[in-house]
């Protein structure tokens, strides 16, 4: 399987939408407002897959998901991912088709979350952690202060209860884990570079994924159909399936420097202190 794995609010959804527009050349922005896990439309069949879908774990577990701790879920993960891989291959022949993940590249109680047996390639978008803090706080309905703290928790997870756990760790852990991956080919791309040169960066992504019939013109069309302003406009008329109850809009701003207006200076300094090494490695300058 080919995955797009990232810390939340780093461009994961954008990459999957552009990939879907590349695979299904006749889609419109409005088509992306209607997919869900149970839908079998053409659009849904190239965008709905991910390792956060309970069905694949419940199908291989004799116990309800809510009764399983994270360690138990991690033990079920290999079987669940093989089931996901089979469904993806049987559902559509369109390519590229990417499975969504927010897991870091690491382990839970000694159980590796990633296995080359079912992980072919990983696209790993990264984003300035100061911008991530603003967007993630809005997405989760949390304060900027709480979000900045969570982004520096080594065992930070999201999910649980009726939903699957997702191991994020610290923002730096997450970035470092994918940058240092050895067993699986990984293409790391900065969100800011995708914004500045979308056609060029998505061409590199599709080249990495070995997308069929790759041309600059085809990439241009896919990028144009999924322009942020276009998605914002359509979302104002149709709710986006991945939005949360805390958000007014999933496609919030898409900015690369909105944090300069939203984030208090004390939190800017905290994030720069917590994640300075990885920020430097990725070329993010301090305020």
C-alpha atoms as a PDB file:
ATOM      1  CA  UNK A   1       0.000   0.000   0.000  1.00  0.00           C
ATOM      2  CA  UNK A   2       0.984   3.573  -0.519  1.00  0.00           C
ATOM      3  CA  UNK A   3       0.336   5.884   2.438  1.00  0.00           C
ATOM      4  CA  UNK A   4       0.291   9.581   3.135  1.00  0.00           C
ATOM      5  CA  UNK A   5       1.390   9.792   6.768  1.00  0.00           C
ATOM      6  CA  UNK A   6       1.742  13.038   8.668  1.00  0.00           C
ATOM      7  CA  UNK A   7       1.235  14.939  11.869  1.00  0.00           C
ATOM      8  CA  UNK A   8      -2.334  16.335  11.701  1.00  0.00           C
ATOM      9  CA  UNK A   9      -2.952  19.551   9.752  1.00  0.00           C
ATOM     10  CA  UNK A  10       0.180  19.213   7.644  1.00  0.00           C
ATOM     11  CA  UNK A  11      -1.296  18.706   4.176  1.00  0.00           C
ATOM     12  CA  UNK A  12      -2.449  15.082   4.369  1.00  0.00           C
ATOM     13  CA  UNK A  13      -5.929  15.784   3.031  1.00  0.00           C
ATOM     14  CA  UNK A  14      -4.682  18.090   0.280  1.00  0.00           C
ATOM     15  CA  UNK A  15      -2.340  15.414  -1.040  1.00  0.00           C
ATOM     16  CA  UNK A  16      -5.130  12.830  -1.077  1.00  0.00           C
ATOM     17  CA  UNK A  17      -7.481  15.205  -2.887  1.00  0.00           C
ATOM     18  CA  UNK A  18      -4.941  16.100  -5.571  1.00  0.00           C
ATOM     19  CA  UNK A  19      -4.119  12.401  -5.968  1.00  0.00           C
ATOM     20  CA  UNK A  20      -7.805  11.622  -6.411  1.00  0.00           C
ATOM     21  CA  UNK A  21      -8.161  14.419  -8.971  1.00  0.00           C
ATOM     22  CA  UNK A  22      -5.163  12.991 -10.823  1.00  0.00           C
ATOM     23  CA  UNK A  23      -6.555   9.446 -10.796  1.00  0.00           C
ATOM     24  CA  UNK A  24     -10.127  10.485 -11.667  1.00  0.00           C
ATOM     25  CA  UNK A  25      -9.630  13.168 -14.259  1.00  0.00           C
ATOM     26  CA  UNK A  26     -13.309  14.114 -14.602  1.00  0.00           C
ATOM     27  CA  UNK A  27     -14.035  14.994 -10.941  1.00  0.00           C
ATOM     28  CA  UNK A  28     -14.939  18.442  -9.624  1.00  0.00           C
ATOM     29  CA  UNK A  29     -14.266  20.059  -6.246  1.00  0.00           C
ATOM     30  CA  UNK A  30     -17.904  19.448  -5.282  1.00  0.00           C
ATOM     31  CA  UNK A  31     -17.420  15.689  -5.670  1.00  0.00           C
ATOM     32  CA  UNK A  32     -15.029  15.726  -2.720  1.00  0.00           C
ATOM     33  CA  UNK A  33     -17.727  16.915  -0.341  1.00  0.00           C
ATOM     34  CA  UNK A  34     -19.702  13.690  -0.479  1.00  0.00           C
ATOM     35  CA  UNK A  35     -17.386  10.758   0.297  1.00  0.00           C
ATOM     36  CA  UNK A  36     -17.437   8.649   3.472  1.00  0.00           C
ATOM     37  CA  UNK A  37     -16.175   5.291   4.732  1.00  0.00           C
ATOM     38  CA  UNK A  38     -19.335   3.441   3.683  1.00  0.00           C
ATOM     39  CA  UNK A  39     -19.789   5.113   0.315  1.00  0.00           C
ATOM     40  CA  UNK A  40     -18.711   3.253  -2.822  1.00  0.00           C
ATOM     41  CA  UNK A  41     -18.756   6.094  -5.318  1.00  0.00           C
ATOM     42  CA  UNK A  42     -15.797   6.552  -7.652  1.00  0.00           C
ATOM     43  CA  UNK A  43     -14.483   9.435  -5.576  1.00  0.00           C
ATOM     44  CA  UNK A  44     -14.933   7.622  -2.281  1.00  0.00           C
ATOM     45  CA  UNK A  45     -13.132   4.575  -3.646  1.00  0.00           C
ATOM     46  CA  UNK A  46      -9.910   6.530  -4.131  1.00  0.00           C
ATOM     47  CA  UNK A  47      -9.993   8.731  -1.031  1.00  0.00           C
ATOM     48  CA  UNK A  48     -11.799   7.024   1.862  1.00  0.00           C
ATOM     49  CA  UNK A  49      -9.145   4.509   2.866  1.00  0.00           C
ATOM     50  CA  UNK A  50      -7.012   4.872   5.969  1.00  0.00           C
ATOM     51  CA  UNK A  51      -5.641   3.068   8.999  1.00  0.00           C
ATOM     52  CA  UNK A  52      -8.079   4.915  11.250  1.00  0.00           C
ATOM     53  CA  UNK A  53     -11.120   3.048   9.952  1.00  0.00           C
ATOM     54  CA  UNK A  54     -12.511   0.813  12.712  1.00  0.00           C
ATOM     55  CA  UNK A  55     -13.965  -1.770  10.338  1.00  0.00           C
ATOM     56  CA  UNK A  56     -10.612  -3.358   9.478  1.00  0.00           C
ATOM     57  CA  UNK A  57      -9.700  -3.808  13.136  1.00  0.00           C
ATOM     58  CA  UNK A  58     -13.156  -4.947  14.200  1.00  0.00           C
ATOM     59  CA  UNK A  59     -13.143  -7.537  11.411  1.00  0.00           C
ATOM     60  CA  UNK A  60     -10.105  -9.256  12.944  1.00  0.00           C
ATOM     61  CA  UNK A  61     -11.010  -8.786  16.622  1.00  0.00           C
ATOM     62  CA  UNK A  62     -13.412 -10.874  18.753  1.00  0.00           C
ATOM     63  CA  UNK A  63     -13.833  -7.879  21.062  1.00  0.00           C
ATOM     64  CA  UNK A  64     -15.373  -4.453  20.428  1.00  0.00           C
ATOM     65  CA  UNK A  65     -12.892  -1.678  19.683  1.00  0.00           C
ATOM     66  CA  UNK A  66     -13.873   0.236  22.825  1.00  0.00           C
ATOM     67  CA  UNK A  67     -12.673  -2.734  24.917  1.00  0.00           C
ATOM     68  CA  UNK A  68      -9.184  -2.709  23.383  1.00  0.00           C
ATOM     69  CA  UNK A  69      -6.314  -0.650  24.730  1.00  0.00           C
ATOM     70  CA  UNK A  70      -3.678   0.761  22.392  1.00  0.00           C
ATOM     71  CA  UNK A  71      -1.350  -2.214  22.849  1.00  0.00           C
ATOM     72  CA  UNK A  72      -4.111  -4.633  21.830  1.00  0.00           C
ATOM     73  CA  UNK A  73      -4.952  -2.505  18.803  1.00  0.00           C
ATOM     74  CA  UNK A  74      -1.279  -2.490  17.797  1.00  0.00           C
ATOM     75  CA  UNK A  75      -1.235  -6.298  17.896  1.00  0.00           C
ATOM     76  CA  UNK A  76      -4.241  -6.380  15.577  1.00  0.00           C
ATOM     77  CA  UNK A  77      -2.737  -3.836  13.201  1.00  0.00           C
ATOM     78  CA  UNK A  78      -0.839  -6.235  10.862  1.00  0.00           C
ATOM     79  CA  UNK A  79      -3.963  -8.300  10.175  1.00  0.00           C
ATOM     80  CA  UNK A  80      -6.120  -5.185   9.856  1.00  0.00           C
ATOM     81  CA  UNK A  81      -3.680  -3.586   7.406  1.00  0.00           C
ATOM     82  CA  UNK A  82      -3.572  -6.698   5.229  1.00  0.00           C
ATOM     83  CA  UNK A  83      -7.371  -6.531   5.092  1.00  0.00           C
ATOM     84  CA  UNK A  84      -7.187  -2.845   4.162  1.00  0.00           C
ATOM     85  CA  UNK A  85      -4.628  -3.621   1.460  1.00  0.00           C
ATOM     86  CA  UNK A  86      -6.857  -6.307  -0.029  1.00  0.00           C
ATOM     87  CA  UNK A  87      -9.915  -4.062  -0.081  1.00  0.00           C
ATOM     88  CA  UNK A  88      -7.986  -1.222  -1.696  1.00  0.00           C
ATOM     89  CA  UNK A  89      -6.656  -3.482  -4.438  1.00  0.00           C
ATOM     90  CA  UNK A  90     -10.070  -5.043  -5.093  1.00  0.00           C
ATOM     91  CA  UNK A  91     -12.069  -1.809  -5.000  1.00  0.00           C
ATOM     92  CA  UNK A  92     -10.370   0.212  -7.717  1.00  0.00           C
ATOM     93  CA  UNK A  93      -7.667   0.008 -10.339  1.00  0.00           C
ATOM     94  CA  UNK A  94      -7.174   3.780 -10.299  1.00  0.00           C
ATOM     95  CA  UNK A  95      -3.726   5.023  -9.320  1.00  0.00           C
ATOM     96  CA  UNK A  96      -2.382   6.636  -7.292  1.00  0.00           C
ATOM     97  CA  UNK A  97      -4.537   5.616  -4.347  1.00  0.00           C
ATOM     98  CA  UNK A  98      -3.289   6.628  -0.921  1.00  0.00           C
ATOM     99  CA  UNK A  99      -4.254   5.404   2.533  1.00  0.00           C
ATOM    100  CA  UNK A 100      -4.380   8.086   5.208  1.00  0.00           C
ATOM    101  CA  UNK A 101      -2.416   7.818   8.457  1.00  0.00           C
ATOM    102  CA  UNK A 102      -1.408  10.092  11.310  1.00  0.00           C
ATOM    103  CA  UNK A 103       0.759   7.518  13.113  1.00  0.00           C
ATOM    104  CA  UNK A 104       4.377   8.320  13.711  1.00  0.00           C
ATOM    105  CA  UNK A 105       7.002   5.882  12.463  1.00  0.00           C
ATOM    106  CA  UNK A 106       7.545   4.020  15.714  1.00  0.00           C
ATOM    107  CA  UNK A 107       6.219   1.322  18.007  1.00  0.00           C
ATOM    108  CA  UNK A 108       3.683   0.709  20.758  1.00  0.00           C
ATOM    109  CA  UNK A 109       4.990  -1.466  23.592  1.00  0.00           C
ATOM    110  CA  UNK A 110       7.631  -2.887  21.275  1.00  0.00           C
ATOM    111  CA  UNK A 111       5.177  -3.543  18.442  1.00  0.00           C
ATOM    112  CA  UNK A 112       6.209  -1.701  15.279  1.00  0.00           C
ATOM    113  CA  UNK A 113       3.331   0.223  13.726  1.00  0.00           C
ATOM    114  CA  UNK A 114       4.776  -0.082  10.225  1.00  0.00           C
ATOM    115  CA  UNK A 115       5.761  -3.144   8.232  1.00  0.00           C
ATOM    116  CA  UNK A 116       7.245  -3.306   4.718  1.00  0.00           C
ATOM    117  CA  UNK A 117       5.023  -6.327   4.066  1.00  0.00           C
ATOM    118  CA  UNK A 118       2.104  -3.944   3.554  1.00  0.00           C
ATOM    119  CA  UNK A 119       3.817  -0.544   3.327  1.00  0.00           C
ATOM    120  CA  UNK A 120       5.156   0.100  -0.155  1.00  0.00           C
ATOM    121  CA  UNK A 121       5.786   3.859  -0.103  1.00  0.00           C
ATOM    122  CA  UNK A 122       4.981   6.771   2.194  1.00  0.00           C
ATOM    123  CA  UNK A 123       4.434  10.414   1.298  1.00  0.00           C
ATOM    124  CA  UNK A 124       5.178  12.465   4.407  1.00  0.00           C
ATOM    125  CA  UNK A 125       4.059  16.119   4.351  1.00  0.00           C
ATOM    126  CA  UNK A 126       5.470  18.354   7.095  1.00  0.00           C
ATOM    127  CA  UNK A 127       4.469  21.866   8.098  1.00  0.00           C
ATOM    128  CA  UNK A 128       5.792  24.684  10.269  1.00  0.00           C
ATOM    129  CA  UNK A 129       4.840  23.615  13.832  1.00  0.00           C
ATOM    130  CA  UNK A 130       3.700  27.148  14.669  1.00  0.00           C
ATOM    131  CA  UNK A 131       1.131  26.946  11.871  1.00  0.00           C
ATOM    132  CA  UNK A 132       0.239  23.378  12.854  1.00  0.00           C
ATOM    133  CA  UNK A 133      -0.516  24.570  16.386  1.00  0.00           C
ATOM    134  CA  UNK A 134      -3.053  27.130  15.165  1.00  0.00           C
ATOM    135  CA  UNK A 135      -4.778  24.786  12.739  1.00  0.00           C
ATOM    136  CA  UNK A 136      -4.765  21.749  15.058  1.00  0.00           C
ATOM    137  CA  UNK A 137      -6.204  23.786  17.938  1.00  0.00           C
ATOM    138  CA  UNK A 138      -9.091  24.854  15.712  1.00  0.00           C
ATOM    139  CA  UNK A 139      -9.612  21.301  14.440  1.00  0.00           C
ATOM    140  CA  UNK A 140      -9.776  19.780  17.941  1.00  0.00           C
ATOM    141  CA  UNK A 141     -11.570  22.652  19.650  1.00  0.00           C
ATOM    142  CA  UNK A 142      -8.669  23.189  22.059  1.00  0.00           C
ATOM    143  CA  UNK A 143      -6.809  26.279  23.185  1.00  0.00           C
ATOM    144  CA  UNK A 144      -3.523  27.251  21.563  1.00  0.00           C
ATOM    145  CA  UNK A 145      -1.807  26.737  24.929  1.00  0.00           C
ATOM    146  CA  UNK A 146      -3.095  23.178  25.328  1.00  0.00           C
ATOM    147  CA  UNK A 147      -2.219  22.325  21.744  1.00  0.00           C
ATOM    148  CA  UNK A 148       1.337  23.635  22.106  1.00  0.00           C
ATOM    149  CA  UNK A 149       1.740  21.456  25.213  1.00  0.00           C
ATOM    150  CA  UNK A 150       0.336  18.389  23.455  1.00  0.00           C
ATOM    151  CA  UNK A 151       2.710  18.881  20.541  1.00  0.00           C
ATOM    152  CA  UNK A 152       5.577  18.305  22.976  1.00  0.00           C
ATOM    153  CA  UNK A 153       4.179  15.191  24.711  1.00  0.00           C
ATOM    154  CA  UNK A 154       6.238  12.095  23.879  1.00  0.00           C
ATOM    155  CA  UNK A 155       3.295   9.714  24.196  1.00  0.00           C
ATOM    156  CA  UNK A 156       0.585  12.000  22.858  1.00  0.00           C
ATOM    157  CA  UNK A 157      -2.259  10.134  21.170  1.00  0.00           C
ATOM    158  CA  UNK A 158      -5.576  11.080  19.650  1.00  0.00           C
ATOM    159  CA  UNK A 159      -8.636   8.872  19.419  1.00  0.00           C
ATOM    160  CA  UNK A 160      -9.605   6.190  21.900  1.00  0.00           C
ATOM    161  CA  UNK A 161     -12.989   5.228  23.281  1.00  0.00           C
ATOM    162  CA  UNK A 162     -15.163   4.200  20.354  1.00  0.00           C
ATOM    163  CA  UNK A 163     -12.366   5.149  17.962  1.00  0.00           C
ATOM    164  CA  UNK A 164      -8.900   3.829  17.251  1.00  0.00           C
ATOM    165  CA  UNK A 165      -5.852   5.268  18.960  1.00  0.00           C
ATOM    166  CA  UNK A 166      -3.322   7.198  16.864  1.00  0.00           C
ATOM    167  CA  UNK A 167       0.200   7.717  18.156  1.00  0.00           C
ATOM    168  CA  UNK A 168       1.502  11.194  17.335  1.00  0.00           C
ATOM    169  CA  UNK A 169       4.201  11.715  19.942  1.00  0.00           C
ATOM    170  CA  UNK A 170       5.837  15.123  19.789  1.00  0.00           C
ATOM    171  CA  UNK A 171       5.878  17.057  16.552  1.00  0.00           C
ATOM    172  CA  UNK A 172       9.654  16.622  16.443  1.00  0.00           C
ATOM    173  CA  UNK A 173       9.385  12.873  17.092  1.00  0.00           C
ATOM    174  CA  UNK A 174       6.911  12.547  14.274  1.00  0.00           C
ATOM    175  CA  UNK A 175       9.078  14.423  11.790  1.00  0.00           C
ATOM    176  CA  UNK A 176      12.293  12.710  12.871  1.00  0.00           C
ATOM    177  CA  UNK A 177      10.738   9.251  12.667  1.00  0.00           C
ATOM    178  CA  UNK A 178       9.779   9.598   9.021  1.00  0.00           C
ATOM    179  CA  UNK A 179      12.971  11.402   8.017  1.00  0.00           C
ATOM    180  CA  UNK A 180      15.003   8.528   9.451  1.00  0.00           C
ATOM    181  CA  UNK A 181      12.877   5.671   8.058  1.00  0.00           C
ATOM    182  CA  UNK A 182      15.050   2.896   6.653  1.00  0.00           C
ATOM    183  CA  UNK A 183      12.880  -0.030   5.569  1.00  0.00           C
ATOM    184  CA  UNK A 184      10.276   1.906   3.579  1.00  0.00           C
ATOM    185  CA  UNK A 185      10.808   4.512   0.831  1.00  0.00           C
ATOM    186  CA  UNK A 186       9.611   7.900   2.148  1.00  0.00           C
ATOM    187  CA  UNK A 187       9.128  11.176   0.289  1.00  0.00           C
ATOM    188  CA  UNK A 188       9.050  14.092   2.731  1.00  0.00           C
ATOM    189  CA  UNK A 189       7.681  17.376   1.396  1.00  0.00           C
ATOM    190  CA  UNK A 190       7.113  20.697   3.121  1.00  0.00           C
ATOM    191  CA  UNK A 191       3.583  22.108   3.029  1.00  0.00           C
ATOM    192  CA  UNK A 192       5.095  25.510   2.357  1.00  0.00           C
ATOM    193  CA  UNK A 193       6.848  24.211  -0.762  1.00  0.00           C
ATOM    194  CA  UNK A 194       3.609  22.667  -2.017  1.00  0.00           C
ATOM    195  CA  UNK A 195       1.886  26.029  -1.582  1.00  0.00           C
ATOM    196  CA  UNK A 196       4.678  27.930  -3.338  1.00  0.00           C
ATOM    197  CA  UNK A 197       5.049  25.507  -6.248  1.00  0.00           C
ATOM    198  CA  UNK A 198       2.128  23.054  -6.254  1.00  0.00           C
ATOM    199  CA  UNK A 199       2.604  21.679  -9.760  1.00  0.00           C
ATOM    200  CA  UNK A 200       6.316  21.092  -9.302  1.00  0.00           C
ATOM    201  CA  UNK A 201       5.980  19.475  -5.878  1.00  0.00           C
ATOM    202  CA  UNK A 202       3.021  17.294  -6.822  1.00  0.00           C
ATOM    203  CA  UNK A 203       4.859  16.180  -9.944  1.00  0.00           C
ATOM    204  CA  UNK A 204       7.653  14.953  -7.649  1.00  0.00           C
ATOM    205  CA  UNK A 205       5.114  13.232  -5.404  1.00  0.00           C
ATOM    206  CA  UNK A 206       3.473  11.416  -8.311  1.00  0.00           C
ATOM    207  CA  UNK A 207       6.862  10.516  -9.743  1.00  0.00           C
ATOM    208  CA  UNK A 208       7.771   8.975  -6.369  1.00  0.00           C
ATOM    209  CA  UNK A 209       4.465   7.066  -6.346  1.00  0.00           C
ATOM    210  CA  UNK A 210       5.071   5.877  -9.925  1.00  0.00           C
ATOM    211  CA  UNK A 211       1.729   7.316 -11.020  1.00  0.00           C
ATOM    212  CA  UNK A 212       0.733   6.212 -14.532  1.00  0.00           C
ATOM    213  CA  UNK A 213       0.779   8.539 -17.547  1.00  0.00           C
ATOM    214  CA  UNK A 214       2.566  11.288 -15.658  1.00  0.00           C
ATOM    215  CA  UNK A 215       2.683  14.651 -17.426  1.00  0.00           C
ATOM    216  CA  UNK A 216       2.961  18.219 -16.202  1.00  0.00           C
ATOM    217  CA  UNK A 217      -0.360  19.025 -17.878  1.00  0.00           C
ATOM    218  CA  UNK A 218      -2.182  16.284 -15.999  1.00  0.00           C
ATOM    219  CA  UNK A 219      -0.707  17.445 -12.698  1.00  0.00           C
ATOM    220  CA  UNK A 220      -1.703  21.042 -13.482  1.00  0.00           C
ATOM    221  CA  UNK A 221      -5.315  19.985 -14.019  1.00  0.00           C
ATOM    222  CA  UNK A 222      -5.415  18.018 -10.759  1.00  0.00           C
ATOM    223  CA  UNK A 223      -3.929  20.929  -8.819  1.00  0.00           C
ATOM    224  CA  UNK A 224      -6.335  23.428 -10.379  1.00  0.00           C
ATOM    225  CA  UNK A 225      -9.383  21.338  -9.427  1.00  0.00           C
ATOM    226  CA  UNK A 226      -8.260  21.258  -5.800  1.00  0.00           C
ATOM    227  CA  UNK A 227      -7.154  24.859  -5.329  1.00  0.00           C
ATOM    228  CA  UNK A 228      -7.719  25.917  -1.729  1.00  0.00           C
ATOM    229  CA  UNK A 229     -10.020  28.793  -2.686  1.00  0.00           C
ATOM    230  CA  UNK A 230     -12.124  26.447  -4.804  1.00  0.00           C
ATOM    231  CA  UNK A 231     -12.444  23.915  -1.968  1.00  0.00           C
ATOM    232  CA  UNK A 232     -13.315  26.701   0.488  1.00  0.00           C
ATOM    233  CA  UNK A 233     -16.086  27.943  -1.771  1.00  0.00           C
ATOM    234  CA  UNK A 234     -17.565  24.481  -2.247  1.00  0.00           C
ATOM    235  CA  UNK A 235     -17.329  23.726   1.484  1.00  0.00           C
ATOM    236  CA  UNK A 236     -19.420  26.830   2.198  1.00  0.00           C
ATOM    237  CA  UNK A 237     -22.228  25.058   0.327  1.00  0.00           C
ATOM    238  CA  UNK A 238     -21.535  21.423   1.293  1.00  0.00           C
ATOM    239  CA  UNK A 239     -19.960  20.201   4.541  1.00  0.00           C
ATOM    240  CA  UNK A 240     -16.603  18.446   4.103  1.00  0.00           C
ATOM    241  CA  UNK A 241     -16.736  14.872   5.509  1.00  0.00           C
ATOM    242  CA  UNK A 242     -13.506  15.180   7.532  1.00  0.00           C
ATOM    243  CA  UNK A 243     -14.492  18.369   9.372  1.00  0.00           C
ATOM    244  CA  UNK A 244     -15.135  18.178  13.118  1.00  0.00           C
ATOM    245  CA  UNK A 245     -17.897  19.596  15.291  1.00  0.00           C
ATOM    246  CA  UNK A 246     -15.405  22.134  16.610  1.00  0.00           C
ATOM    247  CA  UNK A 247     -14.702  23.732  13.240  1.00  0.00           C
ATOM    248  CA  UNK A 248     -16.560  26.317  11.246  1.00  0.00           C
ATOM    249  CA  UNK A 249     -14.610  25.161   8.187  1.00  0.00           C
ATOM    250  CA  UNK A 250     -12.194  22.302   7.511  1.00  0.00           C
ATOM    251  CA  UNK A 251     -10.472  24.348   4.815  1.00  0.00           C
ATOM    252  CA  UNK A 252      -9.649  27.073   7.279  1.00  0.00           C
ATOM    253  CA  UNK A 253      -6.992  29.333   5.788  1.00  0.00           C
ATOM    254  CA  UNK A 254      -4.299  27.235   4.145  1.00  0.00           C
ATOM    255  CA  UNK A 255      -1.780  29.923   5.034  1.00  0.00           C
ATOM    256  CA  UNK A 256       1.910  29.428   5.645  1.00  0.00           C
ATOM    257  CA  UNK A 257       2.370  32.410   7.953  1.00  0.00           C
ATOM    258  CA  UNK A 258      -0.998  32.867   9.646  1.00  0.00           C
ATOM    259  CA  UNK A 259       0.628  31.943  12.957  1.00  0.00           C
ATOM    260  CA  UNK A 260       2.285  35.364  13.030  1.00  0.00           C
ATOM    261  CA  UNK A 261      -1.140  36.894  13.669  1.00  0.00           C
ATOM    262  CA  UNK A 262      -2.740  34.097  15.713  1.00  0.00           C
ATOM    263  CA  UNK A 263      -0.029  32.748  17.991  1.00  0.00           C
ATOM    264  CA  UNK A 264       0.996  34.740  21.102  1.00  0.00           C
ATOM    265  CA  UNK A 265       4.721  35.449  21.278  1.00  0.00           C
ATOM    266  CA  UNK A 266       5.160  33.281  24.389  1.00  0.00           C
ATOM    267  CA  UNK A 267       3.813  30.264  22.482  1.00  0.00           C
ATOM    268  CA  UNK A 268       5.934  31.079  19.452  1.00  0.00           C
ATOM    269  CA  UNK A 269       8.983  30.992  21.731  1.00  0.00           C
ATOM    270  CA  UNK A 270       7.828  27.783  23.412  1.00  0.00           C
ATOM    271  CA  UNK A 271       7.381  25.962  20.101  1.00  0.00           C
ATOM    272  CA  UNK A 272      10.715  27.235  18.812  1.00  0.00           C
ATOM    273  CA  UNK A 273      12.388  26.025  22.029  1.00  0.00           C
ATOM    274  CA  UNK A 274      10.631  22.643  22.010  1.00  0.00           C
ATOM    275  CA  UNK A 275      11.226  21.896  18.338  1.00  0.00           C
ATOM    276  CA  UNK A 276      14.158  24.085  17.336  1.00  0.00           C
ATOM    277  CA  UNK A 277      16.395  21.270  16.102  1.00  0.00           C
ATOM    278  CA  UNK A 278      13.817  19.841  13.700  1.00  0.00           C
ATOM    279  CA  UNK A 279      12.681  23.297  12.620  1.00  0.00           C
ATOM    280  CA  UNK A 280      16.270  24.080  11.668  1.00  0.00           C
ATOM    281  CA  UNK A 281      16.597  20.775   9.837  1.00  0.00           C
ATOM    282  CA  UNK A 282      13.528  21.621   7.750  1.00  0.00           C
ATOM    283  CA  UNK A 283      14.493  25.235   7.128  1.00  0.00           C
ATOM    284  CA  UNK A 284      11.899  26.944   9.345  1.00  0.00           C
ATOM    285  CA  UNK A 285      13.300  30.245  10.607  1.00  0.00           C
ATOM    286  CA  UNK A 286      12.719  31.616  14.093  1.00  0.00           C
ATOM    287  CA  UNK A 287      10.695  34.770  14.568  1.00  0.00           C
END
